[in-house]
Every structure is written in C-alpha cells, then in structure tokens.
Amino acid sequence: MILIHHFLAETARRYPDKPALICDGEVCTFRQLDQDSDHLACELRRAGVVRGERVAVFMENSSELVVSIFGILKAGGIFVVINPTTKARKLANIFNDCGVRALIAHRAVAPVVQSVAPQVPSVKTVLWTSPGQRDAAPGRLLEEVLAAPPHAEPAAPGLIDEDVGAIIYTSGSTGAPKGVMLTHRNVTNTAWSISTYLENDSNDVVMCVLPLSFSYGLFQVITGARVGFTVVLERSFAYPYQALQRMAEYRVTGLPGVPTTFATLLGMASFNGAALPSLRYLTNAGANIPPAHLRRLREAFPAAKIFSMYGLTECTRVSYLDPARLDDKIGSVGKAMPNCEAYVVDEEGRRVGPDVVGELAVRGANVMRGYWGNADETRRRLRDGDTPGERVLYTGDLFRMDKDGFLYFVGRKDDVFKCKGEKVSPAEVERVLCELPGVAEAAVIGVDDPIDGKAVKAFVVLRDGVALLEPQIRRHCRANLDPYMVPKFIEICQGLPKTDSGKIHKNALASENASQW
C-alpha cells in the first residue's frame, strides 16, 4: 500500500539534501519538507484534526503551501487547496460544502477569511503564514509551529489507499464548482503514470507557474516528491520575463503550461527559445492548444519534446500524444496514458467507430471517487461500465477517435450550439482563428440571434504590435470554415477572462459585461 505522503518520506530518505522546492530564490530540501510537514501533522492532531477531516489551504504558491499539503496528509486529513483570489461568497460555499475543520492561510487573505467566519462554524483552528503581522487576525503562526523543538513522527492515522486524500474544486467555468474527491490510490497511480510517459527522473528540474489549487499544478509537486526532482515554484506566470530568467538560472528541464501560458510566451517580442538549452520537454493540458501554436513552439524549441495532453479535474489526466507523432497527428491529444482506457460513446453509452463524434468515457485508477456531498451529480458523471460493478467517468467532452486510435477534442457538450440548423463546435472555429498570423488567443460562443437562433461570436486577442481588422479576420474564416461557422460578430479585445486555472471563462464572455474583457 502506497499513500501520497509516502512519496515524500521515501524521497527524503534517498535524497535528503536535494532541493525539493525553489521558491522566491529560497531552497527547501526534501529533508526539510519532510520534517516541517511532520511538525505540522503533530500540531493538527493536537488541534483535534482526525482521519478524514478536511483542512483548507488558502494562499499563493509557496513552500508553506506544499508543507501544508503533506502535513495534512500525515495527520490523516483531506487537503483542500483554494486559489487565493477566491471571493468571500465562493469561499464560504466551499468551506460549508465540505465542512472544513481547520484552515492554513496567508495573512494577506485575512480580510476575506474574517468576513466569512460567522458563516462557517465548522472551522475551529486557523494557522497563518507571514510573521510580523500578529494583529491581523486571531490564530497561531505556522512559522512558530515549524520552529518548535522536534517532535516524534506523527502517529500513523490508519489510512488505506481507498481513503480520500484531496478534494479539488472545479473551476466553475461552466457552472457552480464541485468538490472532486481523489483517493490516495487515484493520486499515486496518476503520479506514476505521468512520470512514466514523461520519463521523469531525479535529474529533472520542473518549472511550475500553475496554481496548486489546479490539479495540473498540484501534480507537479506530487510527482516531484515521487521521483525526487526539483520544482521551481512560481506564484504565477504574471511576470513571464522573470520566470524565463529563473528557468535559465536553474537549468529547468520541464515546463508544464496551459494554452494561455504558451500564447504569452510566443507573444513576447524578445523571446528566444535558444536561451533555455536545458529544456527537454513542454506539456500542455487544461484546454486544447491550437495547432498553429504547437508549430510555433516546435520552431522555438527544436530540441524539446512537446506533449499535447488531455485531462480534467475528475480524473486529472487521461491521454498524451507521443511527441514523435506530433507531425502526422497534429491536433490530437494522443492515446490513453498507462493504466487508463479512454473511448468514445454515443448517447446510449455504446462505443462508436472511427471518426464518429461522441462523448469521451474514461476508466481506470485515475477516476475520482465522486463529488463531495453531491450524489446526483456523481451518478450523472460516474456510470456503469462494461463489467458489472465498474464505474466509468463520462467527461462531458466531445471527441472523435481516428482509425489508429488517436483522440481528437471536438468541444464541450455544453459549448456546442446550433446556427442555421447546423452544429457549431467553438473549438473548431477557435483553431481556425489561431491559424491567422497575429492572433494570440481566440474564444467563440453562441449568442441569441432573431434570424439564426444562435449566431457565432468570436473574441480575438492580437499579438503585441499587430494591427488586424475585422474584415481581414472574417475573410480568413470564410476561406477556412463552412459558411454557418463563420463568425457573425467579431470583437477584438485586449484579453480574455480566465478561471483560476487559466482556462478561458466562457460564462463571463457570455455575460452582459463581456465587452470589458
């Protein structure tokens, strides 16, 4: 039996003085991370946290956040990492939804925490990071806990790998966020699978600019603990030049990102991929990356492998495209990762043949336990499989599979709409828009129209220094799309609204205030 925190204990034994994390120039070794998380686990146990209780972590990417994750696990708790930009109403909803027992947070978010405190009676213990601000809010300082004399290792809480270790809240880009329950087995199996196909080893140095509240970011740290590689942890990609300087300084070998990460990178006028000679791979997940951007990344990083991947919070990762097939399978997200099966089904759940569009179904040890406290939604997404007793995840995403078994993302079921009686996949229109030189990002939605029922509306972000006009964009679309898919409305904007995980927020685009973006 392997539990998530066993990864850290074993790696600390093998590589005690090796950097586990580098954050803001400060190094945290595997030994220090292991010892600090032991300290925290003992403190949480003394505070009354027992097996299965939820402990929230509410702060930016930092060493303290990672210590908190492993400390909660060692205490037997379930960690809930919450993005620090979360507003009061959503924060209170999350706390009450899963009954948070304790909170570890940065002093900077004290105002929002205090504003919801009367609404969340389940929270009994609060630990704060950032010393020197003792009067900001009641509660103990995490730094004081970690600086206390060493304690014995925390007593084993009696976990098994079927116990839930994490609750990750979906971004809510298409509805209210739901708490995805991941067991220790879910997480350890997925970390094994990812590190297997990426061929990670202890010599890797991975740059993480993704929030750890996002499963894609979280698994950089979990996989690092499993394999023994170093994670250079950035708070975000808000300062890309600074991130690139650190990548060069620490000889980063792996860069995981989402389409907006790479759109930003490719849009930097002075960017030069040759300045990062140690980079051996890039990975994309979270949303489908336009083929045009993949080609430009290949040009910028000719020596690096590029992994186009697909995943969702409910099972973390599903598939990856072998970099050797990038040329002949451009636009594909590959085949299922090790110990996972993915296939396309029709409305009745029957498997379909090659090039038939249907919903992607996933089976494997990576599939979530379900949604916390939401049995109805769990039954909708987890359904019976081919074998009695088996549960299969219905992703809600439309795919097709070619005759060679390679998967192609078509769009979310919730996104597809009809225009002039024909089905429009926004993802297909977005891919064509991004093929136009000068386009950095694009998003497409359907808007009510008295003639067409739904009309195609495109939001387009241009690269710095590029001057494209609406007629030029429409002309490009007419040359590359069926007539009913050509945008009726085109809005050129400075940026697009994003979720906490960096995905384009389609609900915000559809709102009355979309023009502000």
Protein backbone atom coordinates (compact mmCIF):
# COMPACT_ATOMS: atom_id res chain seq x y z
CA MET A 1 0.00 0.00 0.00
CA ILE A 2 1.36 3.42 -1.00
CA LEU A 3 -0.11 6.66 0.30
CA ILE A 4 0.62 10.11 -1.15
CA HIS A 5 2.85 11.24 1.71
CA HIS A 6 4.88 8.02 1.49
CA PHE A 7 6.39 9.53 -1.68
CA LEU A 8 7.91 12.35 0.37
CA ALA A 9 9.16 10.15 3.21
CA GLU A 10 10.91 7.76 0.82
CA THR A 11 12.45 10.52 -1.31
CA ALA A 12 13.65 12.37 1.82
CA ARG A 13 15.40 9.16 2.85
CA ARG A 14 17.04 8.74 -0.57
CA TYR A 15 17.86 12.40 -1.34
CA PRO A 16 17.75 14.27 1.98
CA ASP A 17 19.80 17.29 0.90
CA LYS A 18 18.45 17.60 -2.62
CA PRO A 19 16.29 20.68 -3.32
CA ALA A 20 12.63 19.72 -3.36
CA LEU A 21 11.41 23.28 -3.93
CA ILE A 22 12.90 26.57 -5.02
CA CYS A 23 10.53 29.44 -4.38
CA ASP A 24 11.46 33.14 -4.44
CA GLY A 25 15.11 32.09 -4.52
CA GLU A 26 14.83 30.09 -1.29
CA VAL A 27 15.61 26.37 -1.29
CA CYS A 28 13.66 23.76 0.67
CA THR A 29 15.29 20.32 0.71
CA PHE A 30 13.38 17.06 0.81
CA ARG A 31 14.60 16.54 4.40
CA GLN A 32 13.29 19.96 5.45
CA LEU A 33 9.97 19.43 3.68
CA ASP A 34 9.56 16.06 5.37
CA GLN A 35 10.44 17.39 8.83
CA ASP A 36 8.28 20.52 8.54
CA SER A 37 5.28 18.51 7.41
CA ASP A 38 5.81 16.16 10.37
CA HIS A 39 5.72 19.17 12.70
CA LEU A 40 2.53 20.43 11.11
CA ALA A 41 0.89 16.99 11.26
CA CYS A 42 1.55 16.80 15.02
CA GLU A 43 0.10 20.28 15.52
CA LEU A 44 -3.03 19.42 13.53
CA ARG A 45 -3.51 16.24 15.54
CA ARG A 46 -3.18 18.21 18.80
CA ALA A 47 -5.76 20.67 17.44
CA GLY A 48 -8.24 17.82 17.03
CA VAL A 49 -7.90 17.01 13.33
CA VAL A 50 -8.60 13.31 12.88
CA ARG A 51 -8.72 10.92 9.95
CA GLY A 52 -10.91 12.11 7.10
CA GLU A 53 -11.40 15.69 8.30
CA ARG A 54 -10.99 18.46 5.75
CA VAL A 55 -8.28 21.08 6.13
CA ALA A 56 -8.25 24.04 3.71
CA VAL A 57 -5.10 25.76 2.44
CA PHE A 58 -5.72 29.31 1.22
CA MET A 59 -2.59 31.01 -0.13
CA GLU A 60 -0.43 31.59 -3.20
CA ASN A 61 2.05 29.02 -4.44
CA SER A 62 4.76 28.77 -1.80
CA SER A 63 6.86 26.32 0.19
CA GLU A 64 4.38 26.74 3.06
CA LEU A 65 1.57 25.56 0.80
CA VAL A 66 3.47 22.37 -0.04
CA VAL A 67 4.37 21.78 3.63
CA SER A 68 0.67 22.18 4.43
CA ILE A 69 -0.42 19.59 1.87
CA PHE A 70 1.92 16.91 3.19
CA GLY A 71 1.30 17.84 6.83
CA ILE A 72 -2.45 17.45 6.38
CA LEU A 73 -1.99 14.06 4.75
CA LYS A 74 0.32 12.84 7.52
CA ALA A 75 -2.29 13.88 10.09
CA GLY A 76 -4.84 11.73 8.24
CA GLY A 77 -6.76 14.71 6.88
CA ILE A 78 -8.02 15.62 3.44
CA PHE A 79 -6.43 18.70 1.92
CA VAL A 80 -8.49 21.34 0.07
CA VAL A 81 -6.29 23.86 -1.75
CA ILE A 82 -8.18 27.06 -2.59
CA ASN A 83 -6.97 29.72 -5.00
CA PRO A 84 -6.10 32.91 -3.05
CA THR A 85 -8.14 35.07 -5.45
CA THR A 86 -11.35 33.33 -4.36
CA LYS A 87 -14.00 35.80 -3.23
CA ALA A 88 -15.97 35.63 0.02
CA ARG A 89 -19.18 34.05 -1.26
CA LYS A 90 -17.41 31.22 -3.09
CA LEU A 91 -15.01 30.70 -0.16
CA ALA A 92 -17.90 30.32 2.30
CA ASN A 93 -19.63 27.91 -0.10
CA ILE A 94 -16.53 25.71 -0.31
CA PHE A 95 -15.97 25.73 3.47
CA ASN A 96 -19.58 24.76 4.14
CA ASP A 97 -19.83 22.31 1.25
CA CYS A 98 -17.11 20.05 2.60
CA GLY A 99 -17.20 21.04 6.27
CA VAL A 100 -13.67 22.44 6.63
CA ARG A 101 -12.31 21.72 10.13
CA ALA A 102 -9.08 23.74 10.03
CA LEU A 103 -7.56 26.44 7.83
CA ILE A 104 -3.98 27.31 6.91
CA ALA A 105 -3.81 30.69 5.18
CA HIS A 106 -1.56 33.65 4.37
CA ARG A 107 -2.15 36.86 6.33
CA ALA A 108 -2.89 38.67 3.05
CA VAL A 109 -6.23 36.87 2.78
CA ALA A 110 -7.20 37.53 6.42
CA PRO A 111 -9.88 40.13 5.49
CA VAL A 112 -11.84 37.73 3.31
CA VAL A 113 -11.42 34.92 5.85
CA GLN A 114 -12.69 37.10 8.67
CA SER A 115 -15.64 38.29 6.57
CA VAL A 116 -16.91 34.70 6.16
CA ALA A 117 -16.00 33.44 9.65
CA PRO A 118 -19.53 33.87 11.08
CA GLN A 119 -20.93 31.80 8.20
CA VAL A 120 -18.55 28.83 8.61
CA PRO A 121 -18.91 27.40 12.13
CA SER A 122 -17.10 24.17 11.22
CA VAL A 123 -13.69 25.93 11.16
CA LYS A 124 -12.16 25.51 14.63
CA THR A 125 -8.42 26.04 14.02
CA VAL A 126 -6.56 28.65 11.98
CA LEU A 127 -2.83 28.82 11.24
CA TRP A 128 -1.35 31.84 9.48
CA THR A 129 1.79 32.30 7.44
CA SER A 130 3.73 35.60 7.19
CA PRO A 131 5.18 36.65 10.57
CA GLY A 132 5.27 40.26 11.68
CA GLN A 133 1.52 40.76 11.26
CA ARG A 134 0.35 39.23 14.50
CA ASP A 135 -2.52 41.66 14.99
CA ALA A 136 -4.11 40.98 11.60
CA ALA A 137 -6.32 38.12 12.78
CA PRO A 138 -6.56 35.63 15.64
CA GLY A 139 -4.80 32.30 15.26
CA ARG A 140 -1.35 30.72 15.53
CA LEU A 141 1.59 31.31 13.21
CA LEU A 142 2.70 28.40 11.08
CA GLU A 143 6.30 29.59 11.40
CA GLU A 144 6.12 29.17 15.19
CA VAL A 145 4.81 25.64 14.78
CA LEU A 146 7.65 24.73 12.42
CA ALA A 147 10.30 26.38 14.64
CA ALA A 148 9.28 24.43 17.75
CA PRO A 149 11.61 21.69 19.05
CA PRO A 150 11.40 18.48 17.03
CA HIS A 151 8.65 16.07 17.90
CA ALA A 152 8.38 12.39 17.28
CA GLU A 153 6.95 11.44 13.93
CA PRO A 154 3.16 11.78 13.88
CA ALA A 155 1.34 8.57 14.71
CA ALA A 156 0.01 6.72 11.67
CA PRO A 157 -3.65 7.73 11.25
CA GLY A 158 -4.73 4.33 9.94
CA LEU A 159 -5.31 5.31 6.32
CA ILE A 160 -5.64 2.94 3.38
CA ASP A 161 -5.22 3.89 -0.26
CA GLU A 162 -9.00 3.95 -0.84
CA ASP A 163 -9.32 6.85 1.62
CA VAL A 164 -9.85 10.30 0.15
CA GLY A 165 -6.69 12.42 0.27
CA ALA A 166 -7.74 15.53 -1.65
CA ILE A 167 -10.82 17.50 -2.61
CA ILE A 168 -10.21 19.71 -5.62
CA TYR A 169 -12.92 22.17 -6.56
CA THR A 170 -13.64 22.53 -10.26
CA SER A 171 -13.03 25.96 -11.72
CA GLY A 172 -16.71 26.58 -12.34
CA SER A 173 -16.19 27.82 -15.92
CA THR A 174 -19.48 26.21 -16.99
CA GLY A 175 -21.38 26.10 -13.68
CA ALA A 176 -21.06 26.01 -9.89
CA PRO A 177 -17.79 24.46 -8.67
CA LYS A 178 -18.00 20.90 -7.37
CA GLY A 179 -15.67 19.15 -4.93
CA VAL A 180 -13.86 16.33 -6.75
CA MET A 181 -12.81 13.59 -4.31
CA LEU A 182 -9.48 11.96 -5.15
CA THR A 183 -8.32 8.95 -3.15
CA HIS A 184 -4.70 8.21 -2.27
CA ARG A 185 -4.84 5.47 -4.90
CA ASN A 186 -6.14 7.92 -7.52
CA VAL A 187 -3.26 10.30 -6.84
CA THR A 188 -0.42 7.80 -6.50
CA ASN A 189 -1.47 5.91 -9.63
CA THR A 190 -1.74 9.12 -11.65
CA ALA A 191 1.66 10.36 -10.46
CA TRP A 192 3.18 7.03 -11.51
CA SER A 193 1.53 7.17 -14.93
CA ILE A 194 2.52 10.79 -15.65
CA SER A 195 6.14 10.32 -14.58
CA THR A 196 6.30 7.14 -16.68
CA TYR A 197 5.34 8.68 -20.01
CA LEU A 198 7.26 11.91 -19.36
CA GLU A 199 10.29 9.78 -18.39
CA ASN A 200 10.90 11.90 -15.31
CA ASP A 201 13.90 11.17 -13.12
CA SER A 202 15.64 12.80 -10.18
CA ASN A 203 17.75 14.97 -12.51
CA ASP A 204 14.73 16.89 -13.74
CA VAL A 205 14.04 20.46 -12.70
CA VAL A 206 10.42 21.44 -13.40
CA MET A 207 9.12 24.99 -13.51
CA CYS A 208 5.58 25.27 -12.08
CA VAL A 209 3.75 28.52 -12.89
CA LEU A 210 0.35 26.87 -12.43
CA PRO A 211 -1.67 27.32 -9.21
CA LEU A 212 -1.54 24.30 -6.90
CA SER A 213 -5.32 24.66 -6.50
CA PHE A 214 -5.41 23.34 -10.09
CA SER A 215 -4.76 19.59 -10.34
CA TYR A 216 -2.30 20.13 -13.20
CA GLY A 217 -0.15 22.33 -10.96
CA LEU A 218 -0.63 20.15 -7.88
CA PHE A 219 0.69 17.07 -9.67
CA GLN A 220 4.00 18.78 -10.46
CA VAL A 221 4.68 18.79 -6.70
CA ILE A 222 3.26 15.29 -6.10
CA THR A 223 5.23 13.81 -9.00
CA GLY A 224 8.36 15.63 -7.85
CA ALA A 225 8.00 14.00 -4.44
CA ARG A 226 7.56 10.60 -6.07
CA VAL A 227 10.53 10.84 -8.45
CA GLY A 228 12.83 13.15 -6.50
CA PHE A 229 13.08 16.04 -8.95
CA THR A 230 13.21 19.72 -8.05
CA VAL A 231 10.22 22.02 -8.57
CA VAL A 232 10.87 25.70 -9.21
CA LEU A 233 7.63 27.09 -7.83
CA GLU A 234 6.39 30.42 -9.19
CA ARG A 235 3.37 32.25 -7.84
CA SER A 236 2.01 32.65 -11.39
CA PHE A 237 3.06 33.48 -14.94
CA ALA A 238 2.17 37.15 -14.45
CA TYR A 239 5.84 38.10 -14.91
CA PRO A 240 6.97 35.89 -17.80
CA TYR A 241 10.39 37.52 -18.23
CA GLN A 242 11.20 36.82 -14.59
CA ALA A 243 10.03 33.21 -14.96
CA LEU A 244 12.22 32.74 -18.05
CA GLN A 245 15.24 34.15 -16.22
CA ARG A 246 14.71 31.62 -13.44
CA MET A 247 14.29 28.82 -15.95
CA ALA A 248 17.70 29.69 -17.37
CA GLU A 249 19.29 30.15 -13.93
CA TYR A 250 18.09 26.81 -12.54
CA ARG A 251 18.51 24.92 -15.84
CA VAL A 252 14.89 23.89 -15.98
CA THR A 253 14.20 20.70 -17.93
CA GLY A 254 10.37 20.67 -17.91
CA LEU A 255 7.75 23.37 -18.44
CA PRO A 256 4.06 22.47 -17.96
CA GLY A 257 1.57 25.05 -19.18
CA VAL A 258 -1.91 25.78 -20.49
CA PRO A 259 -2.66 27.43 -23.86
CA THR A 260 -2.60 30.90 -22.31
CA THR A 261 0.89 30.23 -20.90
CA PHE A 262 2.26 29.41 -24.33
CA ALA A 263 0.31 32.19 -26.05
CA THR A 264 2.01 34.63 -23.65
CA LEU A 265 5.39 33.05 -24.27
CA LEU A 266 5.05 33.16 -28.04
CA GLY A 267 3.79 36.74 -27.90
CA MET A 268 6.94 38.05 -26.21
CA ALA A 269 8.83 40.03 -28.84
CA SER A 270 12.27 39.34 -27.35
CA PHE A 271 11.63 35.66 -26.57
CA ASN A 272 14.38 33.31 -27.73
CA GLY A 273 13.95 29.58 -27.12
CA ALA A 274 17.69 29.04 -27.57
CA ALA A 275 18.24 30.75 -24.22
CA LEU A 276 16.88 27.62 -22.49
CA PRO A 277 19.22 24.84 -23.67
CA SER A 278 18.36 22.52 -20.74
CA LEU A 279 14.65 22.34 -21.57
CA ARG A 280 13.84 18.79 -22.66
CA TYR A 281 10.04 18.85 -22.62
CA LEU A 282 6.94 21.05 -22.56
CA THR A 283 3.47 19.81 -21.67
CA ASN A 284 0.07 21.32 -22.44
CA ALA A 285 -3.19 20.43 -20.71
CA GLY A 286 -6.20 22.23 -19.27
CA ALA A 287 -7.51 23.09 -22.75
CA ASN A 288 -6.69 22.17 -26.31
CA ILE A 289 -3.73 24.08 -27.70
CA PRO A 290 -4.22 25.40 -31.26
CA PRO A 291 -2.11 23.51 -33.84
CA ALA A 292 -0.67 26.85 -35.01
CA HIS A 293 0.79 27.41 -31.55
CA LEU A 294 2.18 23.88 -31.47
CA ARG A 295 4.04 24.53 -34.71
CA ARG A 296 5.50 27.76 -33.36
CA LEU A 297 6.58 26.03 -30.16
CA ARG A 298 8.35 23.41 -32.27
CA GLU A 299 10.23 26.18 -34.05
CA ALA A 300 11.12 27.90 -30.77
CA PHE A 301 12.23 24.67 -29.02
CA PRO A 302 13.51 22.29 -31.71
CA ALA A 303 15.38 20.13 -29.17
CA ALA A 304 12.48 19.81 -26.67
CA LYS A 305 9.71 17.22 -26.73
CA ILE A 306 6.21 18.68 -26.76
CA PHE A 307 3.45 16.66 -25.10
CA SER A 308 -0.09 17.62 -26.07
CA MET A 309 -2.29 16.16 -23.33
CA TYR A 310 -5.89 15.99 -22.21
CA GLY A 311 -7.26 15.81 -18.71
CA LEU A 312 -9.94 17.10 -16.39
CA THR A 313 -10.20 17.51 -12.64
CA GLU A 314 -12.39 14.42 -12.28
CA CYS A 315 -9.51 12.13 -13.30
CA THR A 316 -6.55 14.55 -13.51
CA ARG A 317 -5.02 13.18 -16.73
CA VAL A 318 -6.36 10.95 -19.50
CA SER A 319 -4.15 10.97 -22.57
CA TYR A 320 -0.98 12.26 -24.20
CA LEU A 321 0.36 12.44 -27.72
CA ASP A 322 3.74 10.81 -28.27
CA PRO A 323 5.94 13.75 -29.39
CA ALA A 324 7.20 11.59 -32.26
CA ARG A 325 3.66 11.68 -33.72
CA LEU A 326 3.23 15.44 -33.48
CA ASP A 327 3.67 15.98 -37.22
CA ASP A 328 1.32 13.30 -38.57
CA LYS A 329 -1.25 13.59 -35.73
CA ILE A 330 -1.25 17.37 -35.28
CA GLY A 331 -4.29 18.45 -33.27
CA SER A 332 -4.61 15.11 -31.48
CA VAL A 333 -4.26 14.61 -27.73
CA GLY A 334 -2.96 11.11 -28.35
CA LYS A 335 -3.94 7.89 -26.64
CA ALA A 336 -4.77 6.96 -23.06
CA MET A 337 -1.92 7.11 -20.57
CA PRO A 338 -0.68 3.94 -18.81
CA ASN A 339 -3.30 2.10 -16.71
CA CYS A 340 -6.16 4.05 -18.26
CA GLU A 341 -8.64 3.44 -21.09
CA ALA A 342 -10.47 6.17 -22.99
CA TYR A 343 -13.09 5.60 -25.66
CA VAL A 344 -15.91 7.45 -27.45
CA VAL A 345 -19.59 6.61 -26.87
CA ASP A 346 -22.95 7.68 -28.30
CA GLU A 347 -25.96 9.00 -26.36
CA GLU A 348 -26.80 5.47 -25.20
CA GLY A 349 -23.28 4.78 -23.94
CA ARG A 350 -22.36 2.44 -26.81
CA ARG A 351 -18.85 2.60 -28.24
CA VAL A 352 -18.70 4.18 -31.68
CA GLY A 353 -16.44 3.60 -34.66
CA PRO A 354 -13.60 5.71 -36.11
CA ASP A 355 -14.26 9.41 -36.78
CA VAL A 356 -17.72 9.38 -35.16
CA VAL A 357 -18.18 12.24 -32.72
CA GLY A 358 -19.40 11.28 -29.26
CA GLU A 359 -18.71 11.73 -25.55
CA LEU A 360 -15.38 10.61 -24.15
CA ALA A 361 -15.60 7.95 -21.44
CA VAL A 362 -12.69 7.08 -19.14
CA ARG A 363 -11.98 4.06 -16.97
CA GLY A 364 -9.01 3.49 -14.69
CA ALA A 365 -7.48 4.04 -11.27
CA ASN A 366 -7.29 7.77 -12.02
CA VAL A 367 -11.09 8.22 -11.98
CA MET A 368 -12.40 10.17 -8.98
CA ARG A 369 -14.40 8.72 -6.09
CA GLY A 370 -17.17 11.24 -6.87
CA TYR A 371 -18.30 14.75 -5.94
CA TRP A 372 -18.32 15.57 -2.24
CA GLY A 373 -21.89 15.67 -0.93
CA ASN A 374 -23.40 15.61 -4.42
CA ALA A 375 -24.78 12.15 -5.11
CA ASP A 376 -26.99 13.24 -8.03
CA GLU A 377 -24.13 14.83 -9.97
CA THR A 378 -21.89 11.87 -9.13
CA ARG A 379 -24.45 9.45 -10.62
CA ARG A 380 -24.65 11.61 -13.74
CA ARG A 381 -20.91 11.53 -14.33
CA LEU A 382 -19.98 8.06 -12.99
CA ARG A 383 -21.98 5.34 -14.76
CA ASP A 384 -21.91 1.58 -15.15
CA GLY A 385 -19.19 0.20 -17.40
CA ASP A 386 -18.97 -2.95 -19.49
CA THR A 387 -18.12 -5.07 -16.43
CA PRO A 388 -20.61 -5.41 -13.55
CA GLY A 389 -19.67 -3.08 -10.69
CA GLU A 390 -17.31 -0.99 -12.79
CA ARG A 391 -17.70 2.79 -12.75
CA VAL A 392 -16.82 4.82 -15.85
CA LEU A 393 -16.38 8.59 -15.99
CA TYR A 394 -18.43 10.39 -18.63
CA THR A 395 -16.38 13.51 -19.23
CA GLY A 396 -18.95 15.80 -20.85
CA ASP A 397 -16.45 16.44 -23.66
CA LEU A 398 -17.00 15.56 -27.31
CA PHE A 399 -14.25 13.65 -29.09
CA ARG A 400 -13.61 11.58 -32.14
CA MET A 401 -11.11 8.75 -32.47
CA ASP A 402 -9.35 8.08 -35.77
CA LYS A 403 -8.75 4.62 -37.27
CA ASP A 404 -5.38 4.42 -35.48
CA GLY A 405 -6.93 5.04 -32.06
CA PHE A 406 -5.78 8.67 -31.64
CA LEU A 407 -8.16 11.04 -29.84
CA TYR A 408 -9.23 14.48 -31.09
CA PHE A 409 -11.05 17.01 -28.92
CA VAL A 410 -14.14 18.44 -30.64
CA GLY A 411 -15.62 20.56 -27.85
CA ARG A 412 -17.55 20.53 -24.61
CA LYS A 413 -21.10 19.23 -24.88
CA ASP A 414 -22.23 22.39 -23.09
CA ASP A 415 -20.40 24.61 -25.61
CA VAL A 416 -21.75 23.16 -28.87
CA PHE A 417 -24.72 25.08 -30.28
CA LYS A 418 -26.78 25.19 -33.47
CA CYS A 419 -26.53 28.02 -36.00
CA LYS A 420 -28.83 27.91 -39.02
CA GLY A 421 -29.74 24.36 -38.04
CA GLU A 422 -26.11 23.14 -38.07
CA LYS A 423 -24.00 22.19 -35.05
CA VAL A 424 -21.13 24.58 -34.35
CA SER A 425 -18.10 23.46 -32.34
CA PRO A 426 -16.49 26.58 -30.87
CA ALA A 427 -13.16 24.71 -30.58
CA GLU A 428 -13.04 24.23 -34.37
CA VAL A 429 -13.65 27.93 -35.05
CA GLU A 430 -11.07 28.88 -32.42
CA ARG A 431 -8.45 26.65 -34.07
CA VAL A 432 -9.02 28.38 -37.42
CA LEU A 433 -8.82 31.84 -35.84
CA CYS A 434 -5.50 30.98 -34.19
CA GLU A 435 -4.09 29.90 -37.57
CA LEU A 436 -4.26 33.54 -38.68
CA PRO A 437 -0.84 35.16 -38.18
CA GLY A 438 -1.03 37.81 -35.50
CA VAL A 439 -3.79 36.16 -33.43
CA ALA A 440 -2.63 35.33 -29.90
CA GLU A 441 -5.85 33.90 -28.47
CA ALA A 442 -9.45 33.37 -29.54
CA ALA A 443 -12.70 32.32 -27.91
CA VAL A 444 -16.05 31.58 -29.55
CA ILE A 445 -19.55 31.46 -28.08
CA GLY A 446 -23.11 31.36 -29.38
CA VAL A 447 -25.27 34.44 -28.85
CA ASP A 448 -29.02 34.78 -29.31
CA ASP A 449 -29.97 35.95 -32.79
CA PRO A 450 -33.50 36.55 -34.21
CA ILE A 451 -32.54 35.10 -37.61
CA ASP A 452 -30.05 32.31 -36.90
CA GLY A 453 -31.34 31.25 -33.47
CA LYS A 454 -27.75 31.32 -32.27
CA ALA A 455 -25.08 33.35 -34.02
CA VAL A 456 -21.34 32.76 -33.85
CA LYS A 457 -19.46 35.42 -31.92
CA ALA A 458 -15.66 35.48 -31.77
CA PHE A 459 -13.45 37.28 -29.27
CA VAL A 460 -9.94 37.77 -30.65
CA VAL A 461 -6.76 38.88 -28.85
CA LEU A 462 -3.95 40.08 -31.10
CA ARG A 463 -0.24 39.74 -30.56
CA ASP A 464 1.65 42.86 -29.50
CA GLY A 465 2.28 45.21 -32.39
CA VAL A 466 -0.20 43.50 -34.73
CA ALA A 467 -2.96 45.50 -36.41
CA LEU A 468 -5.65 43.22 -37.82
CA LEU A 469 -9.09 44.48 -38.77
CA GLU A 470 -12.40 42.69 -38.51
CA PRO A 471 -12.79 42.25 -42.32
CA GLN A 472 -9.39 40.52 -42.52
CA ILE A 473 -10.35 38.10 -39.75
CA ARG A 474 -13.73 37.35 -41.36
CA ARG A 475 -12.10 36.81 -44.77
CA HIS A 476 -9.73 34.25 -43.22
CA CYS A 477 -12.67 32.45 -41.61
CA ARG A 478 -14.64 32.34 -44.87
CA ALA A 479 -11.68 30.74 -46.60
CA ASN A 480 -11.31 28.02 -43.95
CA LEU A 481 -14.74 27.33 -42.44
CA ASP A 482 -18.16 26.22 -43.59
CA PRO A 483 -20.43 29.26 -44.05
CA TYR A 484 -22.57 28.57 -40.95
CA MET A 485 -19.41 28.54 -38.77
CA VAL A 486 -18.08 31.94 -39.91
CA PRO A 487 -18.46 34.43 -37.02
CA LYS A 488 -21.29 36.88 -37.48
CA PHE A 489 -19.81 39.06 -34.74
CA ILE A 490 -16.11 39.65 -34.10
CA GLU A 491 -14.80 41.58 -31.11
CA ILE A 492 -11.10 42.45 -30.95
CA CYS A 493 -10.13 42.76 -27.28
CA GLN A 494 -7.07 43.24 -25.07
CA GLY A 495 -7.52 39.98 -23.16
CA LEU A 496 -9.94 37.22 -22.24
CA PRO A 497 -11.43 36.41 -18.82
CA LYS A 498 -9.77 33.39 -17.22
CA THR A 499 -10.68 30.95 -14.48
CA ASP A 500 -8.32 30.35 -11.56
CA SER A 501 -6.69 27.54 -13.56
CA GLY A 502 -6.04 29.69 -16.63
CA LYS A 503 -8.89 28.42 -18.80
CA ILE A 504 -10.98 30.89 -20.81
CA HIS A 505 -14.14 31.68 -18.83
CA LYS A 506 -16.94 31.20 -21.38
CA ASN A 507 -19.67 32.17 -18.91
CA ALA A 508 -18.03 35.54 -18.35
CA LEU A 509 -17.78 36.11 -22.10
CA ALA A 510 -21.49 35.45 -22.45
CA SER A 511 -22.41 37.93 -19.72
CA GLU A 512 -23.56 41.47 -20.33
CA ASN A 513 -20.16 42.72 -19.17
CA ALA A 514 -18.18 40.68 -21.69
CA SER A 515 -17.06 43.83 -23.52
CA GLN A 516 -14.89 44.81 -20.55
CA TRP A 517 -12.54 41.98 -21.45
